[in-house]
Each structure stands twice: as C-alpha cells, then as structure tokens.
N, C-alpha and C. Protein backbone atom coordinates (compact mmCIF):
# COMPACT_ATOMS: atom_id res chain seq x y z
N MET A 1 21.38 29.56 21.88
CA MET A 1 20.19 28.87 22.29
C MET A 1 20.43 28.19 23.64
N ASN A 2 19.45 28.28 24.47
CA ASN A 2 19.60 27.59 25.73
C ASN A 2 19.06 26.16 25.61
N MET A 3 19.20 25.40 26.65
CA MET A 3 18.87 23.97 26.63
C MET A 3 17.37 23.74 26.38
N LYS A 4 16.52 24.60 26.93
CA LYS A 4 15.08 24.44 26.77
C LYS A 4 14.67 24.59 25.31
N ASN A 5 15.15 25.61 24.63
CA ASN A 5 14.83 25.84 23.22
C ASN A 5 15.39 24.72 22.34
N THR A 6 16.58 24.23 22.66
CA THR A 6 17.18 23.14 21.90
C THR A 6 16.34 21.87 22.03
N THR A 7 15.87 21.58 23.21
CA THR A 7 15.05 20.39 23.44
C THR A 7 13.72 20.48 22.68
N ILE A 8 13.09 21.64 22.73
CA ILE A 8 11.82 21.84 22.01
C ILE A 8 12.04 21.69 20.52
N LEU A 9 13.10 22.24 19.97
CA LEU A 9 13.40 22.13 18.54
C LEU A 9 13.68 20.68 18.15
N LEU A 10 14.41 19.95 18.98
CA LEU A 10 14.72 18.55 18.71
C LEU A 10 13.44 17.70 18.70
N ILE A 11 12.56 17.91 19.65
CA ILE A 11 11.30 17.17 19.70
C ILE A 11 10.45 17.49 18.48
N PHE A 12 10.40 18.75 18.09
CA PHE A 12 9.64 19.16 16.91
C PHE A 12 10.18 18.48 15.66
N LEU A 13 11.48 18.48 15.47
CA LEU A 13 12.08 17.86 14.29
C LEU A 13 11.88 16.35 14.27
N LEU A 14 11.92 15.71 15.43
CA LEU A 14 11.65 14.27 15.50
C LEU A 14 10.20 13.95 15.16
N CYS A 15 9.27 14.82 15.56
CA CYS A 15 7.87 14.63 15.21
C CYS A 15 7.66 14.74 13.70
N ILE A 16 8.27 15.72 13.08
CA ILE A 16 8.16 15.90 11.63
C ILE A 16 8.76 14.70 10.92
N LEU A 17 9.91 14.22 11.35
CA LEU A 17 10.55 13.05 10.76
C LEU A 17 9.66 11.81 10.91
N GLY A 18 9.05 11.63 12.07
CA GLY A 18 8.15 10.50 12.29
C GLY A 18 6.93 10.55 11.38
N LEU A 19 6.37 11.73 11.19
CA LEU A 19 5.23 11.87 10.28
C LEU A 19 5.61 11.53 8.84
N MET A 20 6.78 11.99 8.41
CA MET A 20 7.21 11.70 7.04
C MET A 20 7.44 10.20 6.84
N ILE A 21 8.04 9.54 7.79
CA ILE A 21 8.28 8.10 7.69
C ILE A 21 6.95 7.35 7.72
N GLY A 22 6.02 7.77 8.55
CA GLY A 22 4.71 7.13 8.62
C GLY A 22 3.93 7.25 7.33
N VAL A 23 3.95 8.41 6.72
CA VAL A 23 3.26 8.60 5.44
C VAL A 23 3.89 7.75 4.37
N TYR A 24 5.21 7.69 4.33
CA TYR A 24 5.91 6.88 3.32
C TYR A 24 5.56 5.40 3.49
N GLN A 25 5.59 4.89 4.71
CA GLN A 25 5.30 3.48 4.95
C GLN A 25 3.85 3.16 4.60
N THR A 26 2.93 4.07 4.89
CA THR A 26 1.53 3.85 4.57
C THR A 26 1.32 3.76 3.06
N GLU A 27 1.99 4.64 2.31
CA GLU A 27 1.86 4.61 0.86
C GLU A 27 2.45 3.32 0.29
N VAL A 28 3.57 2.87 0.81
CA VAL A 28 4.18 1.64 0.32
C VAL A 28 3.30 0.44 0.61
N ASN A 29 2.74 0.37 1.81
CA ASN A 29 1.89 -0.75 2.17
C ASN A 29 0.59 -0.75 1.38
N ASP A 30 0.00 0.41 1.15
CA ASP A 30 -1.25 0.48 0.39
C ASP A 30 -1.04 0.07 -1.06
N SER A 31 0.03 0.51 -1.67
CA SER A 31 0.24 0.19 -3.07
C SER A 31 0.54 -1.28 -3.27
N SER A 32 1.29 -1.90 -2.37
CA SER A 32 1.60 -3.32 -2.53
C SER A 32 0.40 -4.19 -2.18
N ALA A 33 -0.42 -3.78 -1.22
CA ALA A 33 -1.57 -4.58 -0.82
C ALA A 33 -2.64 -4.58 -1.91
N ASN A 34 -2.80 -3.49 -2.62
CA ASN A 34 -3.82 -3.42 -3.66
C ASN A 34 -3.52 -4.37 -4.81
N LEU A 35 -2.27 -4.53 -5.17
CA LEU A 35 -1.93 -5.38 -6.30
C LEU A 35 -2.04 -6.85 -5.96
N VAL A 36 -1.88 -7.22 -4.71
CA VAL A 36 -1.95 -8.62 -4.32
C VAL A 36 -3.38 -9.12 -4.38
N ASN A 37 -4.35 -8.32 -4.03
CA ASN A 37 -5.74 -8.73 -3.95
C ASN A 37 -6.49 -8.63 -5.27
N HIS A 38 -5.84 -8.19 -6.31
CA HIS A 38 -6.50 -8.01 -7.60
C HIS A 38 -5.81 -8.86 -8.67
N GLU A 39 -6.59 -9.18 -9.70
CA GLU A 39 -6.00 -9.85 -10.84
C GLU A 39 -6.33 -9.05 -12.09
N GLU A 40 -5.45 -9.10 -13.05
CA GLU A 40 -5.59 -8.34 -14.28
C GLU A 40 -6.45 -9.12 -15.26
N VAL A 41 -7.50 -8.48 -15.79
CA VAL A 41 -8.39 -9.11 -16.76
C VAL A 41 -8.27 -8.35 -18.07
N ILE A 42 -7.99 -9.09 -19.15
CA ILE A 42 -7.81 -8.48 -20.46
C ILE A 42 -8.94 -8.95 -21.36
N ASN A 43 -9.67 -8.00 -21.95
CA ASN A 43 -10.76 -8.31 -22.88
C ASN A 43 -10.45 -7.68 -24.24
N GLU A 44 -10.77 -8.42 -25.32
CA GLU A 44 -10.59 -7.89 -26.66
C GLU A 44 -11.93 -7.92 -27.37
N ASP A 45 -12.36 -6.76 -27.89
CA ASP A 45 -13.62 -6.67 -28.62
C ASP A 45 -13.43 -7.15 -30.05
N SER A 46 -14.56 -7.28 -30.76
CA SER A 46 -14.50 -7.75 -32.15
C SER A 46 -13.82 -6.74 -33.07
N ASN A 47 -13.83 -5.47 -32.71
CA ASN A 47 -13.19 -4.45 -33.54
C ASN A 47 -11.71 -4.24 -33.19
N GLY A 48 -11.17 -5.06 -32.30
CA GLY A 48 -9.75 -4.99 -31.98
C GLY A 48 -9.40 -4.14 -30.78
N THR A 49 -10.39 -3.60 -30.08
CA THR A 49 -10.15 -2.78 -28.90
C THR A 49 -9.82 -3.69 -27.71
N ILE A 50 -8.71 -3.40 -27.07
CA ILE A 50 -8.29 -4.18 -25.91
C ILE A 50 -8.53 -3.34 -24.66
N THR A 51 -9.20 -3.93 -23.68
CA THR A 51 -9.41 -3.27 -22.40
C THR A 51 -8.79 -4.12 -21.30
N ILE A 52 -8.11 -3.45 -20.40
CA ILE A 52 -7.47 -4.12 -19.27
C ILE A 52 -8.00 -3.48 -17.99
N HIS A 53 -8.47 -4.31 -17.06
CA HIS A 53 -8.93 -3.78 -15.77
C HIS A 53 -8.62 -4.78 -14.67
N LEU A 54 -8.66 -4.29 -13.44
CA LEU A 54 -8.37 -5.12 -12.28
C LEU A 54 -9.67 -5.56 -11.62
N GLU A 55 -9.72 -6.83 -11.23
CA GLU A 55 -10.85 -7.35 -10.49
C GLU A 55 -10.34 -7.98 -9.20
N LEU A 56 -11.18 -7.93 -8.18
CA LEU A 56 -10.81 -8.56 -6.92
C LEU A 56 -10.74 -10.07 -7.09
N LYS A 57 -9.72 -10.67 -6.51
CA LYS A 57 -9.60 -12.12 -6.55
C LYS A 57 -10.61 -12.73 -5.60
N GLU A 58 -11.20 -13.84 -6.01
CA GLU A 58 -12.11 -14.56 -5.14
C GLU A 58 -11.30 -15.47 -4.23
N LYS A 59 -11.71 -15.54 -2.99
CA LYS A 59 -11.00 -16.38 -2.04
C LYS A 59 -11.63 -17.76 -2.04
N ASN A 60 -10.82 -18.76 -2.34
CA ASN A 60 -11.28 -20.14 -2.31
C ASN A 60 -10.94 -20.76 -0.97
N GLU A 61 -11.72 -21.75 -0.58
CA GLU A 61 -11.42 -22.43 0.68
C GLU A 61 -10.10 -23.18 0.59
N SER A 62 -9.76 -23.66 -0.59
CA SER A 62 -8.50 -24.38 -0.74
C SER A 62 -7.31 -23.46 -0.48
N ASP A 63 -7.45 -22.18 -0.85
CA ASP A 63 -6.38 -21.22 -0.56
C ASP A 63 -6.22 -21.03 0.94
N LEU A 64 -7.34 -20.98 1.66
CA LEU A 64 -7.26 -20.81 3.11
C LEU A 64 -6.68 -22.05 3.77
N ILE A 65 -7.02 -23.23 3.24
CA ILE A 65 -6.47 -24.45 3.82
C ILE A 65 -4.96 -24.51 3.61
N LYS A 66 -4.49 -24.10 2.43
CA LYS A 66 -3.05 -24.07 2.15
C LYS A 66 -2.35 -23.07 3.08
N PHE A 67 -3.04 -21.97 3.37
CA PHE A 67 -2.45 -20.94 4.22
C PHE A 67 -2.24 -21.44 5.64
N PHE A 68 -3.22 -22.17 6.17
CA PHE A 68 -3.16 -22.58 7.57
C PHE A 68 -2.42 -23.89 7.79
N THR A 69 -2.13 -24.66 6.72
CA THR A 69 -1.41 -25.92 6.92
C THR A 69 0.01 -25.83 6.46
C-alpha cells in the first residue's frame, strides 16, 4: 500500500470509530436522563392487581431555588 491509500484507510477507520463512540454516548445519556425526570408510581387495584408506571416529575420552584443557591 502506498501512503495515499494508507491515509484514506486511516481516516475511514477513525470516522467509523467516532460514529460508534457517538452512538454509544448518546444511548448512555438518553437512558440516564429519562430515569432522572420520571418517578415510579405503583397502584394496587381491589382485586390485587399491581400496576407500575413512570410519570414525569413536576418541577417545583423550591427545587429551582435550591439549584441556583
């Protein structure tokens, strides 16, 4: 292989590596961000059926004041 082909191959492999790292970081950030903004709500019916679902947390002004002070 001459220098030109080696350079093109190296750039191509670095692009593929960058894409893989970017996708991985995006998935990690999305999964952790979703759990922080939600709270788990557990309901039990009269017949003993338990349902669990996520609801968005409401933002209180006191939370914002704690954040900025």
